[in-house]
Amino acid sequence: MPRRTALEALERFRRDSAWSRQVLDGLARKAGLDSRDTALAARLFYGVLQNMALCDFYIGCFAKGKLEPKVRDILRLGTYQLAFMDRIPASAAVNESVALCRSLGYGRAAGLVNAVLRRLADTRCALPAVPGEGTEEYLSVRWSHPKWLVEELVALRGYDGAERVLEADNAEPPVYIQANTCRTTEEELMTLLPLRRTGAGLVLDRDGDITRTEAFEKGLFYVQDPAAHAVVTAAELRPGMTVLDACAAPGGKSFTAAIAMADRGAVTARDILAKKLALVAEGAARMGLRSITCQCGDARDIDGGVRYDVVFADLPCSGLGVIRKKPDIRYRDPRELAALPQLQSELLDAAARAVRPGGRLIYSTCTWREMENGAVAASFLAGHPAFTKTLERTFWPDRDGTDGFYLCRMDRANAI
């Protein structure tokens, strides 16, 4: 059943371009999978998404001609098990794939699936090498990222740097924990949860649903990547300040801001989606952060008559910096991303109107694309002489151990 659920999720993703987490969660509930089978279905589904081009390369070494989409998905699942899951016996990977093929009415293809996967199993310890090492085509196949994305990365980081980023994208993402220091300390939290301290922050040391722990229910911590945390740290908040989080969901920056001010300030968490904003309010209540007020609305409609000491503009972006958490993001159509810099500029202009003279504007994204980061900031600064760039940084998963992230701090001059 977990393999069939993973197959259905692949089909839904391929057919509808649906977000992977929503697809899998819905199908797992529908199938009535327990936690163990859900974990296996997730590993298979996300594993294929992370390594689709490489799986297709391996399949192509032994299968010639056109394959029906569902048969190819079955082969992808079997290939992923053989190439990446050492604990699954080769016989199980092959036999379960053949059985899946037959159960879905693809009996005529069962022989092909059996033959291809058995040949792959025979070469499991020495799989075919991807040709063209040293080229962008090689990186695209080896790390299963589209060519356009690889080209942009190589332009930014060079060939070796790009490969390190691509490899990090396919690695297991760490779960970083931030202590709610209004209620506890990092040291105390480490006695309550399986955490280890790294250079980037506190990391959960084993798998498990931490939202079911007593420490979570008591509001002692929240999950947030260190790069996102650093965006708030860059604002240098003090108790008593007024803060606007212009695109607040899922709420991490609002929580960090409130905690940085010891919950003695005013944080307005604004978001266009009421459902997501409700989760921010729920999180604030769980952690006892009374300084947070939620406000539903489009960031482009921010009331310029209300001014804040600090405005966070963590704006919609391509999301390429969080591919290791959301592997499907790599398959976004680059043509759809072309309009993002214009949207970001409009939102940043609106956010700037809410910054008081002498205040700060923090622009951030969860991507490394220059056209969405430095280029947007530079364009904004050119048109807003009252603002001065005082800090700019890009975080990289391979260098910093964090999500790919960008922040630019811009200080507004005092009124003359």
Protein backbone atom coordinates (compact mmCIF):
# COMPACT_ATOMS: atom_id res chain seq x y z
CA MET A 1 0.00 0.00 0.00
CA PRO A 2 2.75 2.62 0.69
CA ARG A 3 4.22 1.99 -2.78
CA ARG A 4 0.82 2.39 -4.39
CA THR A 5 0.26 5.60 -2.44
CA ALA A 6 3.64 6.94 -3.58
CA LEU A 7 2.75 6.00 -7.18
CA GLU A 8 -0.60 7.81 -6.97
CA ALA A 9 1.17 10.85 -5.53
CA LEU A 10 3.65 10.86 -8.43
CA GLU A 11 0.79 10.64 -10.91
CA ARG A 12 -1.08 13.51 -9.26
CA PHE A 13 2.05 15.64 -9.19
CA ARG A 14 2.84 14.87 -12.83
CA ARG A 15 -0.71 15.42 -14.01
CA ASP A 16 -1.80 18.41 -11.92
CA SER A 17 1.50 19.98 -10.79
CA ALA A 18 -0.04 19.85 -7.32
CA TRP A 19 2.10 20.71 -4.30
CA SER A 20 3.76 17.52 -3.14
CA ARG A 21 3.04 17.75 0.61
CA GLN A 22 -0.69 18.33 0.09
CA VAL A 23 -0.87 15.46 -2.40
CA LEU A 24 0.90 12.92 -0.22
CA ASP A 25 -0.85 13.84 3.03
CA GLY A 26 -4.25 13.54 1.39
CA LEU A 27 -3.53 10.21 -0.26
CA ALA A 28 -1.99 8.73 2.90
CA ARG A 29 -5.12 9.64 4.89
CA LYS A 30 -7.38 8.24 2.16
CA ALA A 31 -5.44 4.95 2.14
CA GLY A 32 -5.54 4.74 5.94
CA LEU A 33 -1.76 4.30 6.22
CA ASP A 34 -0.22 4.06 9.66
CA SER A 35 2.79 6.19 10.59
CA ARG A 36 5.32 3.60 9.42
CA ASP A 37 3.73 3.10 5.99
CA THR A 38 3.22 6.85 5.61
CA ALA A 39 6.93 7.37 6.26
CA LEU A 40 7.83 4.80 3.58
CA ALA A 41 5.42 6.34 1.07
CA ALA A 42 6.93 9.77 1.79
CA ARG A 43 10.48 8.49 1.42
CA LEU A 44 9.65 6.93 -1.95
CA PHE A 45 7.66 9.89 -3.26
CA TYR A 46 10.07 12.62 -2.22
CA GLY A 47 13.06 10.47 -3.15
CA VAL A 48 11.84 10.13 -6.73
CA LEU A 49 11.10 13.87 -6.93
CA GLN A 50 14.64 14.59 -5.72
CA ASN A 51 16.27 12.15 -8.14
CA MET A 52 13.89 11.93 -11.09
CA ALA A 53 16.34 12.77 -13.86
CA LEU A 54 18.95 10.38 -12.46
CA CYS A 55 16.37 7.58 -12.13
CA ASP A 56 15.28 8.23 -15.71
CA PHE A 57 18.90 8.00 -16.82
CA TYR A 58 19.31 4.61 -15.15
CA ILE A 59 16.04 3.40 -16.65
CA GLY A 60 17.11 4.61 -20.08
CA CYS A 61 20.27 2.51 -19.88
CA PHE A 62 18.16 -0.67 -19.94
CA ALA A 63 14.77 0.29 -21.44
CA LYS A 64 14.52 1.54 -24.99
CA GLY A 65 11.54 3.18 -26.61
CA LYS A 66 8.61 5.15 -25.26
CA LEU A 67 7.13 4.20 -21.90
CA GLU A 68 3.61 4.85 -20.68
CA PRO A 69 3.72 7.54 -17.95
CA LYS A 70 2.45 5.27 -15.17
CA VAL A 71 4.82 2.47 -16.15
CA ARG A 72 7.69 4.97 -16.05
CA ASP A 73 6.57 6.07 -12.58
CA ILE A 74 6.57 2.43 -11.43
CA LEU A 75 10.07 2.04 -12.82
CA ARG A 76 11.14 5.25 -11.09
CA LEU A 77 9.94 3.94 -7.74
CA GLY A 78 11.70 0.63 -8.25
CA THR A 79 14.88 2.33 -9.45
CA TYR A 80 14.92 4.66 -6.46
CA GLN A 81 14.66 1.71 -4.10
CA LEU A 82 17.53 -0.07 -5.84
CA ALA A 83 19.80 2.95 -6.17
CA PHE A 84 19.17 4.77 -2.89
CA MET A 85 17.58 2.45 -0.30
CA ASP A 86 20.10 -0.13 0.86
CA ARG A 87 17.78 -1.60 3.50
CA ILE A 88 15.24 -2.73 0.93
CA PRO A 89 16.28 -6.07 -0.62
CA ALA A 90 16.64 -5.98 -4.38
CA SER A 91 14.14 -8.82 -4.69
CA ALA A 92 11.52 -6.82 -2.80
CA ALA A 93 12.08 -3.73 -4.93
CA VAL A 94 11.70 -5.76 -8.13
CA ASN A 95 8.83 -8.02 -7.07
CA GLU A 96 6.74 -5.25 -5.49
CA SER A 97 7.13 -3.13 -8.64
CA VAL A 98 6.01 -6.01 -10.86
CA ALA A 99 3.05 -6.72 -8.56
CA LEU A 100 2.11 -3.04 -8.61
CA CYS A 101 2.20 -3.07 -12.39
CA ARG A 102 -0.14 -6.06 -12.59
CA SER A 103 -2.54 -4.80 -9.94
CA LEU A 104 -3.10 -1.63 -11.95
CA GLY A 105 -3.89 -3.47 -15.17
CA TYR A 106 -0.50 -3.07 -16.83
CA GLY A 107 0.18 -6.78 -17.07
CA ARG A 108 1.72 -6.46 -20.53
CA ALA A 109 4.35 -4.12 -19.10
CA ALA A 110 5.15 -6.35 -16.13
CA GLY A 111 7.79 -8.27 -18.07
CA LEU A 112 9.52 -5.06 -19.09
CA VAL A 113 9.46 -3.73 -15.51
CA ASN A 114 10.83 -7.04 -14.24
CA ALA A 115 13.63 -7.13 -16.85
CA VAL A 116 14.74 -3.52 -16.39
CA LEU A 117 14.77 -3.64 -12.59
CA ARG A 118 16.56 -7.01 -12.49
CA ARG A 119 19.30 -5.63 -14.71
CA LEU A 120 19.54 -2.60 -12.44
CA ALA A 121 19.68 -4.89 -9.42
CA ASP A 122 22.58 -6.77 -11.00
CA THR A 123 24.51 -3.48 -11.29
CA ARG A 124 23.37 -2.10 -7.93
CA CYS A 125 26.92 -1.84 -6.62
CA ALA A 126 28.23 -0.24 -9.82
CA LEU A 127 25.43 1.73 -11.44
CA PRO A 128 26.04 3.28 -14.88
CA ALA A 129 28.01 6.53 -14.73
CA VAL A 130 26.36 9.72 -15.91
CA PRO A 131 28.36 10.98 -18.92
CA GLY A 132 29.69 14.50 -19.48
CA GLU A 133 31.17 15.26 -16.09
CA GLY A 134 32.25 18.91 -16.01
CA THR A 135 29.24 20.11 -18.00
CA GLU A 136 25.96 21.67 -16.96
CA GLU A 137 24.13 18.75 -18.60
CA TYR A 138 25.94 16.37 -16.25
CA LEU A 139 24.94 18.40 -13.17
CA SER A 140 21.34 18.53 -14.38
CA VAL A 141 21.10 14.75 -14.65
CA ARG A 142 23.34 13.77 -11.73
CA TRP A 143 21.48 15.97 -9.24
CA SER A 144 18.09 16.03 -11.00
CA HIS A 145 17.67 19.78 -11.35
CA PRO A 146 16.39 21.43 -14.56
CA LYS A 147 19.00 22.83 -16.91
CA TRP A 148 17.90 26.47 -16.54
CA LEU A 149 18.34 26.27 -12.76
CA VAL A 150 21.78 24.70 -13.08
CA GLU A 151 22.85 27.42 -15.51
CA GLU A 152 21.83 30.18 -13.09
CA LEU A 153 23.67 28.48 -10.23
CA VAL A 154 26.84 28.01 -12.24
CA ALA A 155 26.74 31.70 -13.20
CA LEU A 156 26.55 32.64 -9.51
CA ARG A 157 28.81 30.06 -7.85
CA GLY A 158 30.90 28.48 -10.60
CA TYR A 159 30.76 24.79 -11.51
CA ASP A 160 32.09 23.34 -8.25
CA GLY A 161 30.08 25.69 -6.08
CA ALA A 162 26.93 24.94 -8.05
CA GLU A 163 27.44 21.21 -7.58
CA ARG A 164 27.79 21.66 -3.83
CA VAL A 165 24.48 23.54 -3.74
CA LEU A 166 22.75 20.88 -5.85
CA GLU A 167 24.06 18.13 -3.61
CA ALA A 168 22.83 20.01 -0.54
CA ASP A 169 19.42 20.38 -2.18
CA ASN A 170 19.11 16.58 -2.29
CA ALA A 171 20.28 16.04 1.29
CA GLU A 172 18.05 15.43 4.30
CA PRO A 173 17.14 18.87 5.70
CA PRO A 174 17.95 19.46 9.37
CA VAL A 175 15.10 20.55 11.65
CA TYR A 176 16.22 23.65 13.52
CA ILE A 177 14.59 24.60 16.83
CA GLN A 178 14.37 28.09 18.32
CA ALA A 179 13.79 28.42 22.06
CA ASN A 180 11.01 30.66 23.30
CA THR A 181 13.24 32.50 25.73
CA CYS A 182 10.22 34.22 27.23
CA ARG A 183 9.48 30.81 28.81
CA THR A 184 12.69 28.77 28.80
CA THR A 185 16.36 28.70 27.85
CA GLU A 186 18.24 26.76 25.18
CA GLU A 187 20.02 24.80 27.91
CA GLU A 188 16.76 23.74 29.54
CA LEU A 189 15.24 22.88 26.17
CA MET A 190 18.18 20.57 25.43
CA THR A 191 17.27 18.55 28.53
CA LEU A 192 13.71 18.11 27.28
CA LEU A 193 14.24 17.32 23.60
CA PRO A 194 16.78 15.26 21.59
CA LEU A 195 18.74 18.28 20.40
CA ARG A 196 22.34 18.93 19.49
CA ARG A 197 24.06 22.25 19.10
CA THR A 198 25.64 23.08 15.74
CA GLY A 199 27.33 26.18 14.40
CA ALA A 200 24.02 27.20 12.85
CA GLY A 201 21.79 26.46 15.85
CA LEU A 202 19.89 23.73 17.72
CA VAL A 203 19.06 20.73 15.55
CA LEU A 204 16.60 17.94 16.26
CA ASP A 205 18.72 14.82 16.61
CA ARG A 206 16.22 12.18 15.52
CA ASP A 207 13.06 11.72 13.51
CA GLY A 208 9.68 12.19 15.10
CA ASP A 209 6.74 14.54 15.33
CA ILE A 210 7.93 17.21 17.74
CA THR A 211 4.53 18.91 17.67
CA ARG A 212 3.28 16.03 19.85
CA THR A 213 5.78 16.74 22.64
CA GLU A 214 4.91 18.36 25.95
CA ALA A 215 7.55 21.02 25.30
CA PHE A 216 5.74 22.06 22.11
CA GLU A 217 2.33 22.12 23.79
CA LYS A 218 3.79 24.35 26.51
CA GLY A 219 5.06 26.76 23.87
CA LEU A 220 8.73 26.35 24.77
CA PHE A 221 9.96 26.37 21.17
CA TYR A 222 9.11 26.78 17.50
CA VAL A 223 10.67 25.50 14.30
CA GLN A 224 12.64 28.06 12.28
CA ASP A 225 15.68 27.91 10.02
CA PRO A 226 18.70 29.92 11.26
CA ALA A 227 18.71 32.00 8.06
CA ALA A 228 15.16 33.17 8.67
CA HIS A 229 16.09 33.78 12.31
CA ALA A 230 19.04 35.90 11.18
CA VAL A 231 16.71 38.15 9.20
CA VAL A 232 15.07 39.25 12.45
CA THR A 233 18.37 39.39 14.34
CA ALA A 234 19.63 41.83 11.70
CA ALA A 235 16.94 44.32 12.76
CA GLU A 236 18.56 44.71 16.22
CA LEU A 237 15.20 44.94 17.96
CA ARG A 238 14.75 46.35 21.46
CA PRO A 239 11.83 46.16 23.90
CA GLY A 240 9.15 48.74 23.14
CA MET A 241 9.63 48.84 19.37
CA THR A 242 6.81 48.63 16.84
CA VAL A 243 7.23 45.99 14.12
CA LEU A 244 5.34 45.06 10.97
CA ASP A 245 5.81 41.59 9.48
CA ALA A 246 4.29 42.36 6.08
CA CYS A 247 4.00 38.76 4.79
CA ALA A 248 3.93 36.92 8.08
CA ALA A 249 2.83 33.32 7.44
CA PRO A 250 3.85 30.84 8.77
CA GLY A 251 4.79 33.22 11.61
CA GLY A 252 8.40 32.45 12.49
CA LYS A 253 9.65 36.00 12.03
CA SER A 254 6.80 37.44 14.07
CA PHE A 255 7.57 34.99 16.88
CA THR A 256 11.28 35.80 16.75
CA ALA A 257 10.58 39.54 16.78
CA ALA A 258 8.27 39.29 19.79
CA ILE A 259 10.76 37.14 21.69
CA ALA A 260 13.68 39.45 20.78
CA MET A 261 11.74 42.28 22.48
CA ALA A 262 10.94 40.06 25.50
CA ASP A 263 7.30 40.34 24.41
CA ARG A 264 7.44 44.02 25.32
CA GLY A 265 6.63 45.74 22.05
CA ALA A 266 4.04 45.57 19.29
CA VAL A 267 4.27 43.13 16.36
CA THR A 268 1.70 43.32 13.60
CA ALA A 269 1.65 40.04 11.67
CA ARG A 270 0.01 40.70 8.31
CA ASP A 271 -0.80 38.19 5.60
CA ILE A 272 -3.19 37.97 2.66
CA LEU A 273 -4.41 34.45 3.52
CA ALA A 274 -6.73 34.29 6.51
CA LYS A 275 -6.26 30.52 6.93
CA LYS A 276 -2.49 30.89 7.23
CA LEU A 277 -2.86 33.90 9.49
CA ALA A 278 -4.99 31.80 11.84
CA LEU A 279 -2.01 29.47 12.26
CA VAL A 280 0.17 32.45 13.20
CA ALA A 281 -2.36 33.48 15.84
CA GLU A 282 -2.52 29.92 17.11
CA GLY A 283 1.27 29.75 17.41
CA ALA A 284 1.46 33.08 19.21
CA ALA A 285 -1.20 31.94 21.68
CA ARG A 286 0.58 28.63 22.28
CA MET A 287 3.79 30.47 23.15
CA GLY A 288 2.05 33.18 25.17
CA LEU A 289 3.29 35.99 22.93
CA ARG A 290 0.79 38.73 23.63
CA SER A 291 2.61 41.43 21.68
CA ILE A 292 1.56 39.87 18.34
CA THR A 293 -1.57 41.14 16.59
CA CYS A 294 -2.73 39.50 13.36
CA GLN A 295 -3.98 41.58 10.44
CA CYS A 296 -5.38 40.15 7.20
CA GLY A 297 -4.64 42.02 3.99
CA ASP A 298 -2.53 42.36 0.87
CA ALA A 299 0.90 43.83 1.57
CA ARG A 300 0.35 46.20 -1.35
CA ASP A 301 -2.49 47.81 0.60
CA ILE A 302 -0.52 48.63 3.74
CA ASP A 303 -1.73 51.86 5.32
CA GLY A 304 1.12 54.33 4.91
CA GLY A 305 -0.38 56.46 7.67
CA VAL A 306 0.78 53.96 10.28
CA ARG A 307 4.55 53.92 10.71
CA TYR A 308 6.73 51.27 12.33
CA ASP A 309 10.24 51.17 13.74
CA VAL A 310 10.99 48.03 11.71
CA VAL A 311 9.20 46.51 8.72
CA PHE A 312 10.00 42.98 7.57
CA ALA A 313 9.26 42.33 3.91
CA ASP A 314 9.83 38.60 3.47
CA LEU A 315 8.25 38.47 0.06
CA PRO A 316 6.88 35.82 -2.32
CA CYS A 317 9.69 34.35 -4.37
CA SER A 318 10.78 31.34 -6.43
CA GLY A 319 11.60 29.44 -3.22
CA LEU A 320 14.70 27.83 -4.73
CA GLY A 321 16.54 28.15 -1.42
CA VAL A 322 14.26 25.60 0.25
CA ILE A 323 14.38 22.84 -2.37
CA ARG A 324 15.75 20.38 0.18
CA LYS A 325 12.50 20.82 2.14
CA LYS A 326 10.22 21.09 -0.90
CA PRO A 327 11.82 19.07 -3.72
CA ASP A 328 9.00 19.84 -6.16
CA ILE A 329 9.98 23.53 -6.27
CA ARG A 330 12.77 22.69 -8.72
CA TYR A 331 10.13 21.84 -11.32
CA ARG A 332 8.51 25.28 -11.36
CA ASP A 333 8.15 26.79 -14.83
CA PRO A 334 10.79 29.52 -15.15
CA ARG A 335 8.39 31.50 -17.33
CA GLU A 336 6.06 31.81 -14.34
CA LEU A 337 8.93 33.14 -12.22
CA ALA A 338 9.72 35.97 -14.62
CA ALA A 339 7.03 38.23 -13.10
CA LEU A 340 8.30 37.85 -9.53
CA PRO A 341 10.77 40.79 -9.48
CA GLN A 342 7.98 43.18 -10.49
CA LEU A 343 5.69 41.84 -7.74
CA GLN A 344 8.52 42.01 -5.22
CA SER A 345 9.24 45.62 -6.19
CA GLU A 346 5.58 46.57 -5.74
CA LEU A 347 5.40 44.91 -2.33
CA LEU A 348 8.70 46.43 -1.23
CA ASP A 349 7.49 49.91 -2.23
CA ALA A 350 4.35 49.40 -0.13
CA ALA A 351 6.33 48.10 2.84
CA ALA A 352 8.66 51.10 2.68
CA ARG A 353 5.73 53.48 3.15
CA ALA A 354 5.18 51.97 6.58
CA VAL A 355 8.74 52.65 7.83
CA ARG A 356 9.02 55.66 10.10
CA PRO A 357 11.83 58.18 9.56
CA GLY A 358 14.89 56.68 11.22
CA GLY A 359 13.38 53.19 10.99
CA ARG A 360 14.48 50.03 9.23
CA LEU A 361 13.23 47.98 6.30
CA ILE A 362 14.39 44.36 6.00
CA TYR A 363 13.91 42.76 2.60
CA SER A 364 14.27 38.98 2.46
CA THR A 365 13.50 35.97 0.27
CA CYS A 366 14.04 32.23 0.49
CA THR A 367 15.91 32.07 -2.80
CA TRP A 368 19.41 32.70 -4.09
CA ARG A 369 18.40 34.16 -7.49
CA GLU A 370 20.09 37.50 -8.04
CA MET A 371 17.19 38.85 -10.11
CA GLU A 372 14.91 38.42 -7.08
CA ASN A 373 17.44 39.57 -4.51
CA GLY A 374 20.21 42.08 -5.13
CA ALA A 375 18.66 43.36 -8.34
CA VAL A 376 15.33 44.12 -6.62
CA ALA A 377 17.09 45.77 -3.68
CA ALA A 378 19.29 47.86 -5.97
CA SER A 379 16.28 49.02 -7.99
CA PHE A 380 14.44 49.94 -4.81
CA LEU A 381 17.38 51.92 -3.44
CA ALA A 382 17.79 53.78 -6.72
CA GLY A 383 14.21 54.99 -6.48
CA HIS A 384 14.15 55.64 -2.72
CA PRO A 385 17.07 57.94 -1.79
CA ALA A 386 15.86 58.18 1.82
CA PHE A 387 16.94 54.55 2.33
CA THR A 388 20.53 53.33 2.68
CA LYS A 389 21.71 49.73 2.51
CA THR A 390 23.46 48.84 5.76
CA LEU A 391 23.65 45.04 5.53
CA GLU A 392 23.31 42.48 2.75
CA ARG A 393 23.84 38.73 2.91
CA THR A 394 23.00 35.56 1.00
CA PHE A 395 22.84 32.28 2.92
CA TRP A 396 23.70 29.02 1.15
CA PRO A 397 22.80 25.47 2.22
CA ASP A 398 26.26 24.15 1.38
CA ARG A 399 28.20 26.95 3.09
CA ASP A 400 25.98 27.85 6.02
CA GLY A 401 24.01 24.66 6.65
CA THR A 402 20.81 26.72 6.37
CA ASP A 403 18.14 27.29 3.78
CA GLY A 404 19.14 29.39 0.81
CA PHE A 405 18.13 32.88 1.93
CA TYR A 406 18.72 36.54 1.18
CA LEU A 407 18.44 39.58 3.42
CA CYS A 408 19.03 43.25 2.82
CA ARG A 409 18.74 45.76 5.66
CA MET A 410 17.91 49.30 4.57
CA ASP A 411 17.78 52.19 7.03
CA ARG A 412 15.56 55.17 6.44
CA ALA A 413 17.01 58.61 7.11
CA ASN A 414 15.53 60.78 9.82
CA ALA A 415 13.24 63.53 8.57
CA ILE A 416 15.04 66.80 7.95
